[in-house]
C-alpha atoms as a PDB file:
ATOM      1  CA  UNK A   1      74.533  80.938 232.539  1.00  0.00           C
ATOM      2  CA  UNK A   2      73.251  81.682 229.154  1.00  0.00           C
ATOM      3  CA  UNK A   3      71.549  79.407 227.359  1.00  0.00           C
ATOM      4  CA  UNK A   4      73.679  76.742 225.213  1.00  0.00           C
ATOM      5  CA  UNK A   5      73.089  77.492 221.431  1.00  0.00           C
ATOM      6  CA  UNK A   6      73.246  74.063 219.558  1.00  0.00           C
ATOM      7  CA  UNK A   7      73.508  73.677 215.556  1.00  0.00           C
ATOM      8  CA  UNK A   8      75.802  71.060 215.180  1.00  0.00           C
ATOM      9  CA  UNK A   9      75.701  67.595 216.530  1.00  0.00           C
ATOM     10  CA  UNK A  10      73.670  64.756 217.278  1.00  0.00           C
ATOM     11  CA  UNK A  11      71.331  67.240 219.772  1.00  0.00           C
ATOM     12  CA  UNK A  12      70.308  69.645 216.669  1.00  0.00           C
ATOM     13  CA  UNK A  13      69.924  66.508 214.094  1.00  0.00           C
ATOM     14  CA  UNK A  14      67.618  64.746 216.496  1.00  0.00           C
ATOM     15  CA  UNK A  15      65.483  67.668 216.846  1.00  0.00           C
ATOM     16  CA  UNK A  16      65.744  69.075 213.322  1.00  0.00           C
ATOM     17  CA  UNK A  17      66.316  72.688 214.113  1.00  0.00           C
ATOM     18  CA  UNK A  18      69.071  74.798 215.411  1.00  0.00           C
ATOM     19  CA  UNK A  19      68.253  75.789 218.864  1.00  0.00           C
ATOM     20  CA  UNK A  20      69.458  77.398 222.484  1.00  0.00           C
ATOM     21  CA  UNK A  21      68.506  75.097 225.337  1.00  0.00           C
ATOM     22  CA  UNK A  22      68.532  75.966 229.123  1.00  0.00           C
ATOM     23  CA  UNK A  23      68.506  72.536 230.949  1.00  0.00           C
ATOM     24  CA  UNK A  24      67.488  72.044 234.784  1.00  0.00           C
ATOM     25  CA  UNK A  25      69.878  71.194 237.385  1.00  0.00           C
ATOM     26  CA  UNK A  26      67.661  67.964 238.460  1.00  0.00           C
ATOM     27  CA  UNK A  27      67.367  64.894 236.505  1.00  0.00           C
ATOM     28  CA  UNK A  28      64.477  64.760 234.588  1.00  0.00           C
ATOM     29  CA  UNK A  29      61.561  64.322 232.959  1.00  0.00           C
ATOM     30  CA  UNK A  30      61.220  67.764 232.999  1.00  0.00           C
ATOM     31  CA  UNK A  31      57.971  70.319 232.431  1.00  0.00           C
ATOM     32  CA  UNK A  32      59.165  71.681 229.242  1.00  0.00           C
ATOM     33  CA  UNK A  33      58.816  75.261 227.670  1.00  0.00           C
ATOM     34  CA  UNK A  34      59.067  75.349 224.027  1.00  0.00           C
ATOM     35  CA  UNK A  35      59.728  79.150 222.769  1.00  0.00           C
ATOM     36  CA  UNK A  36      59.076  80.160 219.743  1.00  0.00           C
ATOM     37  CA  UNK A  37      60.402  83.480 218.160  1.00  0.00           C
ATOM     38  CA  UNK A  38      58.458  86.217 215.894  1.00  0.00           C
ATOM     39  CA  UNK A  39      59.125  86.689 211.938  1.00  0.00           C
ATOM     40  CA  UNK A  40      62.637  88.417 211.522  1.00  0.00           C
ATOM     41  CA  UNK A  41      63.678  86.607 214.720  1.00  0.00           C
ATOM     42  CA  UNK A  42      66.178  84.181 216.024  1.00  0.00           C
ATOM     43  CA  UNK A  43      66.486  81.868 218.793  1.00  0.00           C
ATOM     44  CA  UNK A  44      68.336  84.353 221.173  1.00  0.00           C
ATOM     45  CA  UNK A  45      65.018  86.716 221.142  1.00  0.00           C
ATOM     46  CA  UNK A  46      62.788  85.297 223.191  1.00  0.00           C
ATOM     47  CA  UNK A  47      65.123  84.706 226.405  1.00  0.00           C
ATOM     48  CA  UNK A  48      63.687  87.940 227.178  1.00  0.00           C
ATOM     49  CA  UNK A  49      60.455  86.304 228.231  1.00  0.00           C
ATOM     50  CA  UNK A  50      62.344  83.940 230.615  1.00  0.00           C
ATOM     51  CA  UNK A  51      61.929  85.638 233.501  1.00  0.00           C
ATOM     52  CA  UNK A  52      58.540  84.982 233.915  1.00  0.00           C
ATOM     53  CA  UNK A  53      58.847  81.440 233.528  1.00  0.00           C
ATOM     54  CA  UNK A  54      59.481  78.598 236.028  1.00  0.00           C
ATOM     55  CA  UNK A  55      63.116  78.723 237.301  1.00  0.00           C
ATOM     56  CA  UNK A  56      63.742  74.849 237.052  1.00  0.00           C
ATOM     57  CA  UNK A  57      61.857  74.039 234.040  1.00  0.00           C
ATOM     58  CA  UNK A  58      63.368  72.851 230.424  1.00  0.00           C
ATOM     59  CA  UNK A  59      63.418  75.898 228.288  1.00  0.00           C
ATOM     60  CA  UNK A  60      64.585  75.693 224.867  1.00  0.00           C
ATOM     61  CA  UNK A  61      64.323  78.146 221.784  1.00  0.00           C
ATOM     62  CA  UNK A  62      64.137  76.801 218.456  1.00  0.00           C
ATOM     63  CA  UNK A  63      64.997  78.826 215.305  1.00  0.00           C
ATOM     64  CA  UNK A  64      62.438  79.085 212.658  1.00  0.00           C
ATOM     65  CA  UNK A  65      62.453  77.286 209.619  1.00  0.00           C
ATOM     66  CA  UNK A  66      62.713  80.366 206.532  1.00  0.00           C
ATOM     67  CA  UNK A  67      65.364  82.652 206.365  1.00  0.00           C
ATOM     68  CA  UNK A  68      64.309  85.881 205.714  1.00  0.00           C
ATOM     69  CA  UNK A  69      66.783  88.334 203.625  1.00  0.00           C
ATOM     70  CA  UNK A  70      66.875  91.938 205.111  1.00  0.00           C
ATOM     71  CA  UNK A  71      64.129  94.489 204.922  1.00  0.00           C
ATOM     72  CA  UNK A  72      63.798  98.224 204.057  1.00  0.00           C
ATOM     73  CA  UNK A  73      63.716  98.391 207.891  1.00  0.00           C
ATOM     74  CA  UNK A  74      67.064  96.829 208.486  1.00  0.00           C
ATOM     75  CA  UNK A  75      65.498  93.808 210.115  1.00  0.00           C
ATOM     76  CA  UNK A  76      66.366  90.023 209.025  1.00  0.00           C
ATOM     77  CA  UNK A  77      66.007  86.909 210.752  1.00  0.00           C
ATOM     78  CA  UNK A  78      63.670  83.720 210.218  1.00  0.00           C
ATOM     79  CA  UNK A  79      60.405  83.081 209.943  1.00  0.00           C
ATOM     80  CA  UNK A  80      58.021  80.044 210.400  1.00  0.00           C
ATOM     81  CA  UNK A  81      56.025  80.679 207.103  1.00  0.00           C
ATOM     82  CA  UNK A  82      57.884  79.290 204.029  1.00  0.00           C
ATOM     83  CA  UNK A  83      55.823  81.068 201.490  1.00  0.00           C
ATOM     84  CA  UNK A  84      56.584  84.484 201.745  1.00  0.00           C
ATOM     85  CA  UNK A  85      53.552  85.669 199.694  1.00  0.00           C
ATOM     86  CA  UNK A  86      51.135  84.354 202.306  1.00  0.00           C
ATOM     87  CA  UNK A  87      52.691  87.640 204.952  1.00  0.00           C
ATOM     88  CA  UNK A  88      49.775  89.853 205.553  1.00  0.00           C
ATOM     89  CA  UNK A  89      51.707  93.061 204.144  1.00  0.00           C
ATOM     90  CA  UNK A  90      52.491  91.252 201.066  1.00  0.00           C
ATOM     91  CA  UNK A  91      49.422  89.738 200.421  1.00  0.00           C
ATOM     92  CA  UNK A  92      46.791  91.437 201.907  1.00  0.00           C
ATOM     93  CA  UNK A  93      45.227  88.579 203.972  1.00  0.00           C
ATOM     94  CA  UNK A  94      46.058  86.709 206.926  1.00  0.00           C
ATOM     95  CA  UNK A  95      47.821  83.259 206.931  1.00  0.00           C
ATOM     96  CA  UNK A  96      45.575  80.246 207.367  1.00  0.00           C
ATOM     97  CA  UNK A  97      46.539  77.202 209.283  1.00  0.00           C
ATOM     98  CA  UNK A  98      47.411  75.772 206.037  1.00  0.00           C
ATOM     99  CA  UNK A  99      49.698  78.114 205.612  1.00  0.00           C
ATOM    100  CA  UNK A 100      51.841  76.662 208.803  1.00  0.00           C
ATOM    101  CA  UNK A 101      52.090  73.307 207.693  1.00  0.00           C
ATOM    102  CA  UNK A 102      55.314  73.184 207.029  1.00  0.00           C
ATOM    103  CA  UNK A 103      55.829  75.128 210.587  1.00  0.00           C
ATOM    104  CA  UNK A 104      53.744  72.594 212.369  1.00  0.00           C
ATOM    105  CA  UNK A 105      55.426  69.608 210.137  1.00  0.00           C
ATOM    106  CA  UNK A 106      58.925  70.764 211.496  1.00  0.00           C
ATOM    107  CA  UNK A 107      57.642  71.521 215.037  1.00  0.00           C
ATOM    108  CA  UNK A 108      55.716  68.270 215.493  1.00  0.00           C
ATOM    109  CA  UNK A 109      59.126  66.562 214.484  1.00  0.00           C
ATOM    110  CA  UNK A 110      61.188  69.410 217.190  1.00  0.00           C
ATOM    111  CA  UNK A 111      58.792  68.678 220.152  1.00  0.00           C
ATOM    112  CA  UNK A 112      58.343  64.608 219.636  1.00  0.00           C
ATOM    113  CA  UNK A 113      62.121  64.269 219.991  1.00  0.00           C
ATOM    114  CA  UNK A 114      62.556  66.441 223.359  1.00  0.00           C
ATOM    115  CA  UNK A 115      61.818  63.570 225.610  1.00  0.00           C
ATOM    116  CA  UNK A 116      64.612  61.509 224.496  1.00  0.00           C
ATOM    117  CA  UNK A 117      67.313  64.474 223.719  1.00  0.00           C
ATOM    118  CA  UNK A 118      66.665  66.452 226.629  1.00  0.00           C
ATOM    119  CA  UNK A 119      64.568  64.936 229.152  1.00  0.00           C
ATOM    120  CA  UNK A 120      61.400  66.566 228.447  1.00  0.00           C
ATOM    121  CA  UNK A 121      58.178  65.730 229.931  1.00  0.00           C
ATOM    122  CA  UNK A 122      55.934  64.562 227.346  1.00  0.00           C
ATOM    123  CA  UNK A 123      53.112  65.057 229.307  1.00  0.00           C
ATOM    124  CA  UNK A 124      53.764  68.633 230.225  1.00  0.00           C
ATOM    125  CA  UNK A 125      56.013  70.278 227.247  1.00  0.00           C
ATOM    126  CA  UNK A 126      53.994  73.945 226.853  1.00  0.00           C
ATOM    127  CA  UNK A 127      54.452  76.680 223.758  1.00  0.00           C
ATOM    128  CA  UNK A 128      55.262  80.583 224.727  1.00  0.00           C
ATOM    129  CA  UNK A 129      54.912  82.336 221.107  1.00  0.00           C
ATOM    130  CA  UNK A 130      55.348  86.033 220.342  1.00  0.00           C
ATOM    131  CA  UNK A 131      54.000  87.603 217.261  1.00  0.00           C
ATOM    132  CA  UNK A 132      54.159  84.926 214.560  1.00  0.00           C
ATOM    133  CA  UNK A 133      55.483  82.544 216.830  1.00  0.00           C
ATOM    134  CA  UNK A 134      52.300  83.002 218.774  1.00  0.00           C
ATOM    135  CA  UNK A 135      50.494  81.678 215.513  1.00  0.00           C
ATOM    136  CA  UNK A 136      52.938  78.903 214.875  1.00  0.00           C
ATOM    137  CA  UNK A 137      52.699  77.732 218.673  1.00  0.00           C
ATOM    138  CA  UNK A 138      48.731  77.482 218.579  1.00  0.00           C
ATOM    139  CA  UNK A 139      48.877  76.529 214.812  1.00  0.00           C
ATOM    140  CA  UNK A 140      50.549  73.095 216.172  1.00  0.00           C
ATOM    141  CA  UNK A 141      48.428  73.131 219.367  1.00  0.00           C
ATOM    142  CA  UNK A 142      45.380  72.884 217.246  1.00  0.00           C
ATOM    143  CA  UNK A 143      46.978  70.524 214.462  1.00  0.00           C
ATOM    144  CA  UNK A 144      48.769  68.229 217.444  1.00  0.00           C
ATOM    145  CA  UNK A 145      46.975  68.899 220.429  1.00  0.00           C
ATOM    146  CA  UNK A 146      48.257  65.697 222.094  1.00  0.00           C
ATOM    147  CA  UNK A 147      51.887  67.199 221.998  1.00  0.00           C
ATOM    148  CA  UNK A 148      51.060  70.131 223.528  1.00  0.00           C
ATOM    149  CA  UNK A 149      50.000  70.884 227.613  1.00  0.00           C
ATOM    150  CA  UNK A 150      49.092  74.699 227.066  1.00  0.00           C
ATOM    151  CA  UNK A 151      50.293  77.422 225.314  1.00  0.00           C
ATOM    152  CA  UNK A 152      51.166  81.673 226.126  1.00  0.00           C
ATOM    153  CA  UNK A 153      50.666  83.638 222.988  1.00  0.00           C
ATOM    154  CA  UNK A 154      52.347  86.834 223.212  1.00  0.00           C
ATOM    155  CA  UNK A 155      51.117  89.798 220.857  1.00  0.00           C
ATOM    156  CA  UNK A 156      50.096  86.761 218.483  1.00  0.00           C
ATOM    157  CA  UNK A 157      47.123  85.782 216.606  1.00  0.00           C
ATOM    158  CA  UNK A 158      45.952  81.919 215.534  1.00  0.00           C
ATOM    159  CA  UNK A 159      45.692  81.573 211.904  1.00  0.00           C
ATOM    160  CA  UNK A 160      42.191  81.155 210.087  1.00  0.00           C
ATOM    161  CA  UNK A 161      40.773  78.281 211.180  1.00  0.00           C
ATOM    162  CA  UNK A 162      38.143  76.302 209.136  1.00  0.00           C
ATOM    163  CA  UNK A 163      34.836  76.192 211.298  1.00  0.00           C
ATOM    164  CA  UNK A 164      34.793  72.379 211.349  1.00  0.00           C
ATOM    165  CA  UNK A 165      38.279  72.284 213.239  1.00  0.00           C
ATOM    166  CA  UNK A 166      37.152  75.071 215.879  1.00  0.00           C
ATOM    167  CA  UNK A 167      34.125  72.732 216.248  1.00  0.00           C
ATOM    168  CA  UNK A 168      35.495  70.056 217.016  1.00  0.00           C
ATOM    169  CA  UNK A 169      36.934  71.366 220.149  1.00  0.00           C
ATOM    170  CA  UNK A 170      40.914  69.940 219.791  1.00  0.00           C
ATOM    171  CA  UNK A 171      42.199  72.559 222.779  1.00  0.00           C
ATOM    172  CA  UNK A 172      39.390  71.202 224.880  1.00  0.00           C
ATOM    173  CA  UNK A 173      40.276  72.069 228.155  1.00  0.00           C
ATOM    174  CA  UNK A 174      44.040  73.382 227.544  1.00  0.00           C
ATOM    175  CA  UNK A 175      45.149  76.062 229.396  1.00  0.00           C
ATOM    176  CA  UNK A 176      46.323  79.367 226.790  1.00  0.00           C
ATOM    177  CA  UNK A 177      46.996  82.480 228.026  1.00  0.00           C
ATOM    178  CA  UNK A 178      46.864  85.709 225.567  1.00  0.00           C
ATOM    179  CA  UNK A 179      48.256  88.916 226.114  1.00  0.00           C
ATOM    180  CA  UNK A 180      47.417  91.930 223.593  1.00  0.00           C
ATOM    181  CA  UNK A 181      48.392  95.298 222.877  1.00  0.00           C
ATOM    182  CA  UNK A 182      45.666  97.695 222.196  1.00  0.00           C
ATOM    183  CA  UNK A 183      47.528  99.844 220.349  1.00  0.00           C
ATOM    184  CA  UNK A 184      49.584  97.176 218.294  1.00  0.00           C
ATOM    185  CA  UNK A 185      49.895  98.345 214.705  1.00  0.00           C
ATOM    186  CA  UNK A 186      50.779  95.023 213.510  1.00  0.00           C
ATOM    187  CA  UNK A 187      48.326  92.658 215.025  1.00  0.00           C
ATOM    188  CA  UNK A 188      45.237  94.853 215.006  1.00  0.00           C
ATOM    189  CA  UNK A 189      43.047  94.706 218.609  1.00  0.00           C
ATOM    190  CA  UNK A 190      40.091  93.242 216.232  1.00  0.00           C
ATOM    191  CA  UNK A 191      41.822  90.552 214.829  1.00  0.00           C
ATOM    192  CA  UNK A 192      43.415  89.207 218.338  1.00  0.00           C
ATOM    193  CA  UNK A 193      40.094  89.572 219.906  1.00  0.00           C
ATOM    194  CA  UNK A 194      38.555  87.181 216.991  1.00  0.00           C
ATOM    195  CA  UNK A 195      41.840  84.877 217.838  1.00  0.00           C
ATOM    196  CA  UNK A 196      40.067  85.003 221.652  1.00  0.00           C
ATOM    197  CA  UNK A 197      36.890  83.459 220.272  1.00  0.00           C
ATOM    198  CA  UNK A 198      38.289  80.927 218.080  1.00  0.00           C
ATOM    199  CA  UNK A 199      40.182  79.636 220.944  1.00  0.00           C
ATOM    200  CA  UNK A 200      37.469  79.579 223.195  1.00  0.00           C
ATOM    201  CA  UNK A 201      35.574  77.773 220.204  1.00  0.00           C
ATOM    202  CA  UNK A 202      38.067  75.042 219.728  1.00  0.00           C
ATOM    203  CA  UNK A 203      37.788  74.470 223.697  1.00  0.00           C
ATOM    204  CA  UNK A 204      40.529  76.501 225.588  1.00  0.00           C
ATOM    205  CA  UNK A 205      40.403  77.697 229.288  1.00  0.00           C
ATOM    206  CA  UNK A 206      41.706  81.025 227.943  1.00  0.00           C
ATOM    207  CA  UNK A 207      43.024  83.618 230.124  1.00  0.00           C
ATOM    208  CA  UNK A 208      42.904  87.006 227.956  1.00  0.00           C
ATOM    209  CA  UNK A 209      44.620  90.229 228.715  1.00  0.00           C
ATOM    210  CA  UNK A 210      44.506  93.459 226.982  1.00  0.00           C
ATOM    211  CA  UNK A 211      47.543  96.042 227.943  1.00  0.00           C
ATOM    212  CA  UNK A 212      47.919  99.317 226.771  1.00  0.00           C
ATOM    213  CA  UNK A 213      50.803  99.099 224.486  1.00  0.00           C
ATOM    214  CA  UNK A 214      52.080  98.557 221.046  1.00  0.00           C
ATOM    215  CA  UNK A 215      53.262  95.470 219.477  1.00  0.00           C
ATOM    216  CA  UNK A 216      55.442  93.750 223.149  1.00  0.00           C
ATOM    217  CA  UNK A 217      54.370  92.756 226.171  1.00  0.00           C
ATOM    218  CA  UNK A 218      54.739  95.358 228.926  1.00  0.00           C
ATOM    219  CA  UNK A 219      55.765  95.074 232.523  1.00  0.00           C
ATOM    220  CA  UNK A 220      52.237  94.236 233.418  1.00  0.00           C
ATOM    221  CA  UNK A 221      52.161  91.780 231.179  1.00  0.00           C
ATOM    222  CA  UNK A 222      54.749  90.053 232.373  1.00  0.00           C
ATOM    223  CA  UNK A 223      53.497  89.967 235.865  1.00  0.00           C
ATOM    224  CA  UNK A 224      50.695  88.217 234.525  1.00  0.00           C
ATOM    225  CA  UNK A 225      52.159  85.957 232.569  1.00  0.00           C
ATOM    226  CA  UNK A 226      54.418  84.901 235.761  1.00  0.00           C
ATOM    227  CA  UNK A 227      51.406  84.320 237.493  1.00  0.00           C
ATOM    228  CA  UNK A 228      49.769  82.697 235.240  1.00  0.00           C
ATOM    229  CA  UNK A 229      52.849  79.979 235.006  1.00  0.00           C
ATOM    230  CA  UNK A 230      53.010  79.785 238.738  1.00  0.00           C
ATOM    231  CA  UNK A 231      48.754  79.151 238.720  1.00  0.00           C
ATOM    232  CA  UNK A 232      49.522  76.373 236.728  1.00  0.00           C
ATOM    233  CA  UNK A 233      50.900  74.771 239.751  1.00  0.00           C
ATOM    234  CA  UNK A 234      51.073  70.813 239.111  1.00  0.00           C
ATOM    235  CA  UNK A 235      49.510  70.909 235.679  1.00  0.00           C
END
């Protein structure tokens, strides 16, 4: 069954973001994965990763907070950054944790609403993010670690994190999976490797994987991602 699109009504109002959701048949509370799309994405695109996720979990994909008009390469969609001059291609620098403040605020409200709206288990809410969505997911985990049980980062990066934030170990013992492309032309390998270092500094239990691919998760990555979810067991 195709995940339900929610743009209007009680659920959209209570969560604060349009989204697609696939609800389990059994009663809750449900272990949950919140899937965050990349730049120029929508709530539709992250469902390609659903086959690697537990089939009986609540899956939900919110829409980004800022519409980005069509670009010369004919891509258009939503972003997790409000101020587009903070996009690396335009500014020459990578976003900081502060740049994702609006995304963190919107996602905090969204995640907190899920137990009441969809019966999510507040102790078992995981995030999955692709590219910029991974940056938003990691920003939320760093800023509101009590809301997040773990994170899967797919060809993404962690924003620039102040040293004192990482040293405070906000991600202590949280499972984080990272899949990166060695030939990624959008998220350079050195940045992905620096992200891994930052996450370890912040205390995460990191499962880090490099794949001979570009800005995507290949079949080997999907297999490893599925095995990681299965390995969480009773997490």
